[in-house]
Amino acid sequence: MVYVSMHVLLISVVYHFDVGYLQSQELGLLPGTPVGTSLIDAHAGGVGVMESVLDAESKDDSLFLQYSAMVPEFWLTEGGQSATGALLDYIIENHVAAPLLSNRAASQSISIYELLNKMLLSMSHEQNSPFLSALTQDTHVLPDFHGNRSPMADPKAKGVICGLTLDTSEKNLALLYLATVQGIAYGTRHIVEHCNAHGHKIDTLLACGGLAKNSVYIQEHADIISKSHLSAITLYNLVPF
């Protein structure tokens, strides 16, 4: 199984332990001294949820290939996107309707993401949409606002929003938000497709971290990554909504 970083806003985790005798000799500390070691973003989630195993003959220079980087004596193939949670924040915070929605969400003691998800569900019912994803049939987002990390490895790549109008309503913000989530999900699919085309056999994705609490985010990833030739891909959410 290959670990694919989804960059789902993982918070750096610190593992605490007490220094043993041999460790104290190496570190110059007294035995029993509490110490901690931090892990970077996606590695923190990876250590907690899965192993990384790579066929020795399967190598691809466009992905980060590291040995013993996360699990000792195991290969790690890491593919991530340059911005996900930060991109969603950018799209929302730069819309004229954001302050009003933020205040409304605060008055209901929910996040603005929860409010937007509720709005999308209502909009889907109002428009008799066959499914929620169809709401963005005229709005599309290429999420490379901070370059493309994987699989293109192009820091100069740029993001695109297609389908803009003069609409500045709350519903317009909800659509832009959904289209951005979908763009991120297609970015994840691109990474999975690239890995599978270069010797990997990814059939399971595990989601953890802050964005895994977002039901629309998880549903769009499950729908988009599992389409057509990527059938049999299973996405498990490890964080309850």
C-alpha atoms as a PDB file:
ATOM      1  CA  MET A   1       0.000   0.000   0.000  1.00  0.00           C
ATOM      2  CA  VAL A   2       1.308   3.459  -0.884  1.00  0.00           C
ATOM      3  CA  TYR A   3       0.697   6.471   1.287  1.00  0.00           C
ATOM      4  CA  VAL A   4      -0.604   9.445  -0.672  1.00  0.00           C
ATOM      5  CA  SER A   5      -0.629  12.784   1.100  1.00  0.00           C
ATOM      6  CA  MET A   6      -3.971  14.540   0.662  1.00  0.00           C
ATOM      7  CA  HIS A   7      -2.783  17.605   2.575  1.00  0.00           C
ATOM      8  CA  VAL A   8      -5.925  17.744   4.630  1.00  0.00           C
ATOM      9  CA  LEU A   9      -4.798  20.405   7.062  1.00  0.00           C
ATOM     10  CA  LEU A  10      -2.956  18.039   9.356  1.00  0.00           C
ATOM     11  CA  ILE A  11      -1.733  19.654  12.548  1.00  0.00           C
ATOM     12  CA  SER A  12       1.844  18.939  13.622  1.00  0.00           C
ATOM     13  CA  VAL A  13       1.790  16.250  16.296  1.00  0.00           C
ATOM     14  CA  VAL A  14       4.259  15.931  19.153  1.00  0.00           C
ATOM     15  CA  TYR A  15       5.047  12.498  20.601  1.00  0.00           C
ATOM     16  CA  HIS A  16       6.149  12.595  24.244  1.00  0.00           C
ATOM     17  CA  PHE A  17       8.320   9.956  25.911  1.00  0.00           C
ATOM     18  CA  ASP A  18      10.741   9.671  28.802  1.00  0.00           C
ATOM     19  CA  VAL A  19      14.431   9.358  28.049  1.00  0.00           C
ATOM     20  CA  GLY A  20      15.805   5.872  28.822  1.00  0.00           C
ATOM     21  CA  TYR A  21      19.348   5.058  29.929  1.00  0.00           C
ATOM     22  CA  LEU A  22      20.852   4.537  26.455  1.00  0.00           C
ATOM     23  CA  GLN A  23      19.054   7.576  25.088  1.00  0.00           C
ATOM     24  CA  SER A  24      20.284   9.680  27.977  1.00  0.00           C
ATOM     25  CA  GLN A  25      23.880   8.726  27.127  1.00  0.00           C
ATOM     26  CA  GLU A  26      23.397   9.793  23.514  1.00  0.00           C
ATOM     27  CA  LEU A  27      21.535  13.009  24.280  1.00  0.00           C
ATOM     28  CA  GLY A  28      23.389  14.027  27.391  1.00  0.00           C
ATOM     29  CA  LEU A  29      20.173  14.154  29.420  1.00  0.00           C
ATOM     30  CA  LEU A  30      19.236  12.583  32.736  1.00  0.00           C
ATOM     31  CA  PRO A  31      17.248   9.310  32.524  1.00  0.00           C
ATOM     32  CA  GLY A  32      13.526   9.997  32.852  1.00  0.00           C
ATOM     33  CA  THR A  33      13.720  13.472  31.288  1.00  0.00           C
ATOM     34  CA  PRO A  34      10.483  14.155  29.342  1.00  0.00           C
ATOM     35  CA  VAL A  35      11.225  14.982  25.691  1.00  0.00           C
ATOM     36  CA  GLY A  36       9.164  15.288  22.552  1.00  0.00           C
ATOM     37  CA  THR A  37       9.674  15.058  18.805  1.00  0.00           C
ATOM     38  CA  SER A  38       7.491  16.735  16.213  1.00  0.00           C
ATOM     39  CA  LEU A  39       6.276  15.414  12.857  1.00  0.00           C
ATOM     40  CA  ILE A  40       5.611  17.464   9.752  1.00  0.00           C
ATOM     41  CA  ASP A  41       2.106  17.918   8.295  1.00  0.00           C
ATOM     42  CA  ALA A  42       1.016  14.813   6.382  1.00  0.00           C
ATOM     43  CA  HIS A  43       3.592  12.529   8.001  1.00  0.00           C
ATOM     44  CA  ALA A  44       1.835  13.007  11.332  1.00  0.00           C
ATOM     45  CA  GLY A  45      -1.388  11.581   9.939  1.00  0.00           C
ATOM     46  CA  GLY A  46       0.405   8.913   7.956  1.00  0.00           C
ATOM     47  CA  VAL A  47       2.155   7.474  10.985  1.00  0.00           C
ATOM     48  CA  GLY A  48      -1.185   7.118  12.725  1.00  0.00           C
ATOM     49  CA  VAL A  49      -3.198   5.485   9.965  1.00  0.00           C
ATOM     50  CA  MET A  50      -1.169   3.417   7.540  1.00  0.00           C
ATOM     51  CA  GLU A  51       2.120   1.893   6.360  1.00  0.00           C
ATOM     52  CA  SER A  52       4.087   2.729   3.244  1.00  0.00           C
ATOM     53  CA  VAL A  53       5.380  -0.151   1.111  1.00  0.00           C
ATOM     54  CA  LEU A  54       6.941   0.271  -2.319  1.00  0.00           C
ATOM     55  CA  ASP A  55       8.069  -2.257  -4.903  1.00  0.00           C
ATOM     56  CA  ALA A  56      11.810  -1.760  -5.320  1.00  0.00           C
ATOM     57  CA  GLU A  57      11.413  -1.570  -9.111  1.00  0.00           C
ATOM     58  CA  SER A  58       8.659   1.062  -9.000  1.00  0.00           C
ATOM     59  CA  LYS A  59      10.218   4.507  -8.996  1.00  0.00           C
ATOM     60  CA  ASP A  60       9.023   7.815 -10.401  1.00  0.00           C
ATOM     61  CA  ASP A  61      11.059  11.027 -10.264  1.00  0.00           C
ATOM     62  CA  SER A  62       7.974  13.294 -10.362  1.00  0.00           C
ATOM     63  CA  LEU A  63       6.933  12.127  -6.881  1.00  0.00           C
ATOM     64  CA  PHE A  64       8.848  12.455  -3.625  1.00  0.00           C
ATOM     65  CA  LEU A  65      10.538   9.107  -2.943  1.00  0.00           C
ATOM     66  CA  GLN A  66      12.033   8.756   0.529  1.00  0.00           C
ATOM     67  CA  TYR A  67      13.414   5.822   2.499  1.00  0.00           C
ATOM     68  CA  SER A  68      12.707   5.548   6.233  1.00  0.00           C
ATOM     69  CA  ALA A  69      11.221   9.053   6.096  1.00  0.00           C
ATOM     70  CA  MET A  70       8.104   8.131   8.044  1.00  0.00           C
ATOM     71  CA  VAL A  71       8.300   4.437   8.951  1.00  0.00           C
ATOM     72  CA  PRO A  72      11.784   2.932   9.541  1.00  0.00           C
ATOM     73  CA  GLU A  73      13.003   0.704   6.673  1.00  0.00           C
ATOM     74  CA  PHE A  74       9.929   1.445   4.545  1.00  0.00           C
ATOM     75  CA  TRP A  75       9.742   3.518   1.388  1.00  0.00           C
ATOM     76  CA  LEU A  76       7.498   6.585   1.336  1.00  0.00           C
ATOM     77  CA  THR A  77       6.039   7.893  -1.895  1.00  0.00           C
ATOM     78  CA  GLU A  78       4.587  11.295  -1.117  1.00  0.00           C
ATOM     79  CA  GLY A  79       2.410  13.292  -3.470  1.00  0.00           C
ATOM     80  CA  GLY A  80       0.620  16.395  -2.256  1.00  0.00           C
ATOM     81  CA  GLN A  81      -1.068  19.588  -3.382  1.00  0.00           C
ATOM     82  CA  SER A  82       0.415  23.004  -2.710  1.00  0.00           C
ATOM     83  CA  ALA A  83      -2.726  24.467  -1.144  1.00  0.00           C
ATOM     84  CA  THR A  84      -6.022  22.970  -0.012  1.00  0.00           C
ATOM     85  CA  GLY A  85      -7.311  24.411   3.253  1.00  0.00           C
ATOM     86  CA  ALA A  86      -5.480  27.676   2.549  1.00  0.00           C
ATOM     87  CA  LEU A  87      -7.062  27.802  -0.915  1.00  0.00           C
ATOM     88  CA  LEU A  88     -10.558  27.343   0.487  1.00  0.00           C
ATOM     89  CA  ASP A  89      -9.885  30.120   2.995  1.00  0.00           C
ATOM     90  CA  TYR A  90      -8.640  32.372   0.191  1.00  0.00           C
ATOM     91  CA  ILE A  91     -11.698  31.787  -1.992  1.00  0.00           C
ATOM     92  CA  ILE A  92     -14.106  32.422   0.873  1.00  0.00           C
ATOM     93  CA  GLU A  93     -12.365  35.353   2.559  1.00  0.00           C
ATOM     94  CA  ASN A  94     -11.940  37.295  -0.698  1.00  0.00           C
ATOM     95  CA  HIS A  95     -15.634  37.162  -1.586  1.00  0.00           C
ATOM     96  CA  VAL A  96     -17.795  40.181  -0.788  1.00  0.00           C
ATOM     97  CA  ALA A  97     -20.435  37.977   0.865  1.00  0.00           C
ATOM     98  CA  ALA A  98     -17.973  36.403   3.309  1.00  0.00           C
ATOM     99  CA  PRO A  99     -18.427  38.840   6.258  1.00  0.00           C
ATOM    100  CA  LEU A 100     -22.206  38.415   6.240  1.00  0.00           C
ATOM    101  CA  LEU A 101     -21.949  34.623   6.122  1.00  0.00           C
ATOM    102  CA  SER A 102     -19.300  34.605   8.832  1.00  0.00           C
ATOM    103  CA  ASN A 103     -21.581  36.571  11.147  1.00  0.00           C
ATOM    104  CA  ARG A 104     -24.509  34.294  10.388  1.00  0.00           C
ATOM    105  CA  ALA A 105     -22.412  31.198  11.054  1.00  0.00           C
ATOM    106  CA  ALA A 106     -21.198  32.667  14.349  1.00  0.00           C
ATOM    107  CA  SER A 107     -24.772  33.396  15.417  1.00  0.00           C
ATOM    108  CA  GLN A 108     -25.582  29.713  14.845  1.00  0.00           C
ATOM    109  CA  SER A 109     -22.390  28.554  16.613  1.00  0.00           C
ATOM    110  CA  ILE A 110     -21.191  26.724  13.502  1.00  0.00           C
ATOM    111  CA  SER A 111     -18.302  27.242  11.095  1.00  0.00           C
ATOM    112  CA  ILE A 112     -18.738  29.052   7.807  1.00  0.00           C
ATOM    113  CA  TYR A 113     -18.018  25.729   6.084  1.00  0.00           C
ATOM    114  CA  GLU A 114     -20.937  24.064   7.834  1.00  0.00           C
ATOM    115  CA  LEU A 115     -23.158  26.977   6.806  1.00  0.00           C
ATOM    116  CA  LEU A 116     -22.010  26.760   3.178  1.00  0.00           C
ATOM    117  CA  ASN A 117     -22.652  23.011   3.162  1.00  0.00           C
ATOM    118  CA  LYS A 118     -26.201  23.606   4.406  1.00  0.00           C
ATOM    119  CA  MET A 119     -26.720  26.275   1.756  1.00  0.00           C
ATOM    120  CA  LEU A 120     -25.558  23.921  -0.995  1.00  0.00           C
ATOM    121  CA  LEU A 121     -27.995  21.252   0.146  1.00  0.00           C
ATOM    122  CA  SER A 122     -30.855  23.766   0.099  1.00  0.00           C
ATOM    123  CA  MET A 123     -29.813  25.057  -3.319  1.00  0.00           C
ATOM    124  CA  SER A 124     -29.752  21.503  -4.641  1.00  0.00           C
ATOM    125  CA  HIS A 125     -33.346  20.959  -3.474  1.00  0.00           C
ATOM    126  CA  GLU A 126     -34.518  24.335  -4.787  1.00  0.00           C
ATOM    127  CA  GLN A 127     -33.084  23.705  -8.251  1.00  0.00           C
ATOM    128  CA  ASN A 128     -34.188  20.057  -8.362  1.00  0.00           C
ATOM    129  CA  SER A 129     -30.592  19.157  -9.063  1.00  0.00           C
ATOM    130  CA  PRO A 130     -30.041  15.409  -9.652  1.00  0.00           C
ATOM    131  CA  PHE A 131     -27.118  15.594  -7.206  1.00  0.00           C
ATOM    132  CA  LEU A 132     -25.309  18.314  -5.311  1.00  0.00           C
ATOM    133  CA  SER A 133     -22.213  18.256  -7.534  1.00  0.00           C
ATOM    134  CA  ALA A 134     -24.291  19.306 -10.553  1.00  0.00           C
ATOM    135  CA  LEU A 135     -24.728  22.780  -9.056  1.00  0.00           C
ATOM    136  CA  THR A 136     -21.311  23.751 -10.433  1.00  0.00           C
ATOM    137  CA  GLN A 137     -21.911  22.690 -14.023  1.00  0.00           C
ATOM    138  CA  ASP A 138     -21.048  26.259 -15.126  1.00  0.00           C
ATOM    139  CA  THR A 139     -18.323  26.978 -12.542  1.00  0.00           C
ATOM    140  CA  HIS A 140     -14.920  25.303 -12.502  1.00  0.00           C
ATOM    141  CA  VAL A 141     -11.708  25.868 -10.532  1.00  0.00           C
ATOM    142  CA  LEU A 142      -8.161  24.790 -11.355  1.00  0.00           C
ATOM    143  CA  PRO A 143      -6.653  24.804  -7.842  1.00  0.00           C
ATOM    144  CA  ASP A 144      -3.007  25.532  -8.706  1.00  0.00           C
ATOM    145  CA  PHE A 145      -3.080  28.962  -7.012  1.00  0.00           C
ATOM    146  CA  HIS A 146       0.242  28.184  -5.316  1.00  0.00           C
ATOM    147  CA  GLY A 147       1.768  26.107  -8.085  1.00  0.00           C
ATOM    148  CA  ASN A 148       1.405  22.372  -8.640  1.00  0.00           C
ATOM    149  CA  ARG A 149       3.386  20.190  -6.259  1.00  0.00           C
ATOM    150  CA  SER A 150       2.359  16.745  -7.511  1.00  0.00           C
ATOM    151  CA  PRO A 151       2.435  15.265 -10.020  1.00  0.00           C
ATOM    152  CA  MET A 152       3.525  18.160 -12.260  1.00  0.00           C
ATOM    153  CA  ALA A 153       6.180  19.611  -9.894  1.00  0.00           C
ATOM    154  CA  ASP A 154       5.581  23.059 -11.386  1.00  0.00           C
ATOM    155  CA  PRO A 155       5.863  25.923  -8.886  1.00  0.00           C
ATOM    156  CA  LYS A 156       4.970  28.404 -11.625  1.00  0.00           C
ATOM    157  CA  ALA A 157       1.578  26.840 -12.348  1.00  0.00           C
ATOM    158  CA  LYS A 158      -1.366  29.190 -11.851  1.00  0.00           C
ATOM    159  CA  GLY A 159      -4.943  28.728 -10.691  1.00  0.00           C
ATOM    160  CA  VAL A 160      -8.020  29.428 -12.796  1.00  0.00           C
ATOM    161  CA  ILE A 161     -11.652  30.202 -12.050  1.00  0.00           C
ATOM    162  CA  CYS A 162     -13.932  29.599 -15.047  1.00  0.00           C
ATOM    163  CA  GLY A 163     -17.529  30.782 -15.116  1.00  0.00           C
ATOM    164  CA  LEU A 164     -17.345  34.081 -13.239  1.00  0.00           C
ATOM    165  CA  THR A 165     -20.210  36.545 -13.536  1.00  0.00           C
ATOM    166  CA  LEU A 166     -21.175  39.796 -11.805  1.00  0.00           C
ATOM    167  CA  ASP A 167     -23.036  37.792  -9.171  1.00  0.00           C
ATOM    168  CA  THR A 168     -21.770  38.643  -5.663  1.00  0.00           C
ATOM    169  CA  SER A 169     -24.487  36.855  -3.701  1.00  0.00           C
ATOM    170  CA  GLU A 170     -24.111  34.358  -0.885  1.00  0.00           C
ATOM    171  CA  LYS A 171     -25.211  31.602  -3.240  1.00  0.00           C
ATOM    172  CA  ASN A 172     -22.444  32.567  -5.637  1.00  0.00           C
ATOM    173  CA  LEU A 173     -19.906  32.152  -2.841  1.00  0.00           C
ATOM    174  CA  ALA A 174     -21.366  28.734  -2.056  1.00  0.00           C
ATOM    175  CA  LEU A 175     -20.894  27.688  -5.689  1.00  0.00           C
ATOM    176  CA  LEU A 176     -17.305  28.969  -5.786  1.00  0.00           C
ATOM    177  CA  TYR A 177     -16.604  27.080  -2.579  1.00  0.00           C
ATOM    178  CA  LEU A 178     -18.041  23.850  -4.005  1.00  0.00           C
ATOM    179  CA  ALA A 179     -16.157  24.259  -7.295  1.00  0.00           C
ATOM    180  CA  THR A 180     -12.927  24.755  -5.343  1.00  0.00           C
ATOM    181  CA  VAL A 181     -13.533  21.596  -3.304  1.00  0.00           C
ATOM    182  CA  GLN A 182     -14.133  19.720  -6.551  1.00  0.00           C
ATOM    183  CA  GLY A 183     -10.955  21.146  -8.099  1.00  0.00           C
ATOM    184  CA  ILE A 184      -8.953  19.950  -5.102  1.00  0.00           C
ATOM    185  CA  ALA A 185     -10.555  16.506  -5.368  1.00  0.00           C
ATOM    186  CA  TYR A 186      -9.599  16.297  -9.049  1.00  0.00           C
ATOM    187  CA  GLY A 187      -6.055  17.240  -8.016  1.00  0.00           C
ATOM    188  CA  THR A 188      -6.024  14.285  -5.639  1.00  0.00           C
ATOM    189  CA  ARG A 189      -7.385  12.063  -8.395  1.00  0.00           C
ATOM    190  CA  HIS A 190      -4.599  13.263 -10.702  1.00  0.00           C
ATOM    191  CA  ILE A 191      -2.021  12.146  -8.121  1.00  0.00           C
ATOM    192  CA  VAL A 192      -3.678   8.739  -7.672  1.00  0.00           C
ATOM    193  CA  GLU A 193      -3.909   8.202 -11.444  1.00  0.00           C
ATOM    194  CA  HIS A 194      -0.252   9.154 -11.865  1.00  0.00           C
ATOM    195  CA  CYS A 195       0.880   6.780  -9.128  1.00  0.00           C
ATOM    196  CA  ASN A 196      -1.157   3.883 -10.524  1.00  0.00           C
ATOM    197  CA  ALA A 197       0.217   4.563 -13.997  1.00  0.00           C
ATOM    198  CA  HIS A 198       3.761   4.214 -12.663  1.00  0.00           C
ATOM    199  CA  GLY A 199       3.659   0.914 -10.843  1.00  0.00           C
ATOM    200  CA  HIS A 200       1.583   1.566  -7.744  1.00  0.00           C
ATOM    201  CA  LYS A 201      -1.725  -0.113  -6.948  1.00  0.00           C
ATOM    202  CA  ILE A 202      -3.645   2.356  -4.807  1.00  0.00           C
ATOM    203  CA  ASP A 203      -7.096   1.076  -3.890  1.00  0.00           C
ATOM    204  CA  THR A 204      -7.667   2.730  -0.515  1.00  0.00           C
ATOM    205  CA  LEU A 205      -7.497   6.316   0.708  1.00  0.00           C
ATOM    206  CA  LEU A 206      -7.602   7.280   4.380  1.00  0.00           C
ATOM    207  CA  ALA A 207      -8.677  10.807   5.253  1.00  0.00           C
ATOM    208  CA  CYS A 208      -7.703  12.502   8.501  1.00  0.00           C
ATOM    209  CA  GLY A 209      -7.088  16.009   9.746  1.00  0.00           C
ATOM    210  CA  GLY A 210      -9.229  19.130   9.800  1.00  0.00           C
ATOM    211  CA  LEU A 211     -10.772  18.895   6.334  1.00  0.00           C
ATOM    212  CA  ALA A 212     -11.843  15.318   7.000  1.00  0.00           C
ATOM    213  CA  LYS A 213     -14.535  16.800   9.253  1.00  0.00           C
ATOM    214  CA  ASN A 214     -16.136  18.440   6.218  1.00  0.00           C
ATOM    215  CA  SER A 215     -18.846  16.136   4.816  1.00  0.00           C
ATOM    216  CA  VAL A 216     -18.980  17.842   1.404  1.00  0.00           C
ATOM    217  CA  TYR A 217     -15.188  17.730   1.061  1.00  0.00           C
ATOM    218  CA  ILE A 218     -15.123  14.002   1.811  1.00  0.00           C
ATOM    219  CA  GLN A 219     -18.127  13.209  -0.404  1.00  0.00           C
ATOM    220  CA  GLU A 220     -16.690  15.075  -3.395  1.00  0.00           C
ATOM    221  CA  HIS A 221     -13.374  13.240  -3.014  1.00  0.00           C
ATOM    222  CA  ALA A 222     -15.151   9.889  -2.783  1.00  0.00           C
ATOM    223  CA  ASP A 223     -17.258  10.615  -5.877  1.00  0.00           C
ATOM    224  CA  ILE A 224     -14.522  12.125  -8.037  1.00  0.00           C
ATOM    225  CA  ILE A 225     -11.689   9.716  -7.221  1.00  0.00           C
ATOM    226  CA  SER A 226     -13.901   6.646  -7.562  1.00  0.00           C
ATOM    227  CA  LYS A 227     -15.169   7.504 -11.056  1.00  0.00           C
ATOM    228  CA  SER A 228     -14.750   5.350 -14.174  1.00  0.00           C
ATOM    229  CA  HIS A 229     -11.346   3.674 -14.452  1.00  0.00           C
ATOM    230  CA  LEU A 230     -10.593   4.387 -10.807  1.00  0.00           C
ATOM    231  CA  SER A 231     -13.353   2.081  -9.676  1.00  0.00           C
ATOM    232  CA  ALA A 232     -12.616   0.045  -6.557  1.00  0.00           C
ATOM    233  CA  ILE A 233     -10.993   3.033  -4.864  1.00  0.00           C
ATOM    234  CA  THR A 234     -12.279   3.155  -1.292  1.00  0.00           C
ATOM    235  CA  LEU A 235     -12.047   6.275   0.844  1.00  0.00           C
ATOM    236  CA  TYR A 236     -12.231   5.881   4.619  1.00  0.00           C
ATOM    237  CA  ASN A 237     -12.845   8.918   6.784  1.00  0.00           C
ATOM    238  CA  LEU A 238     -11.072   8.558  10.126  1.00  0.00           C
ATOM    239  CA  VAL A 239     -12.524  11.745  11.641  1.00  0.00           C
ATOM    240  CA  PRO A 240     -16.215  11.892  12.628  1.00  0.00           C
ATOM    241  CA  PHE A 241     -18.223  14.809  11.258  1.00  0.00           C
END
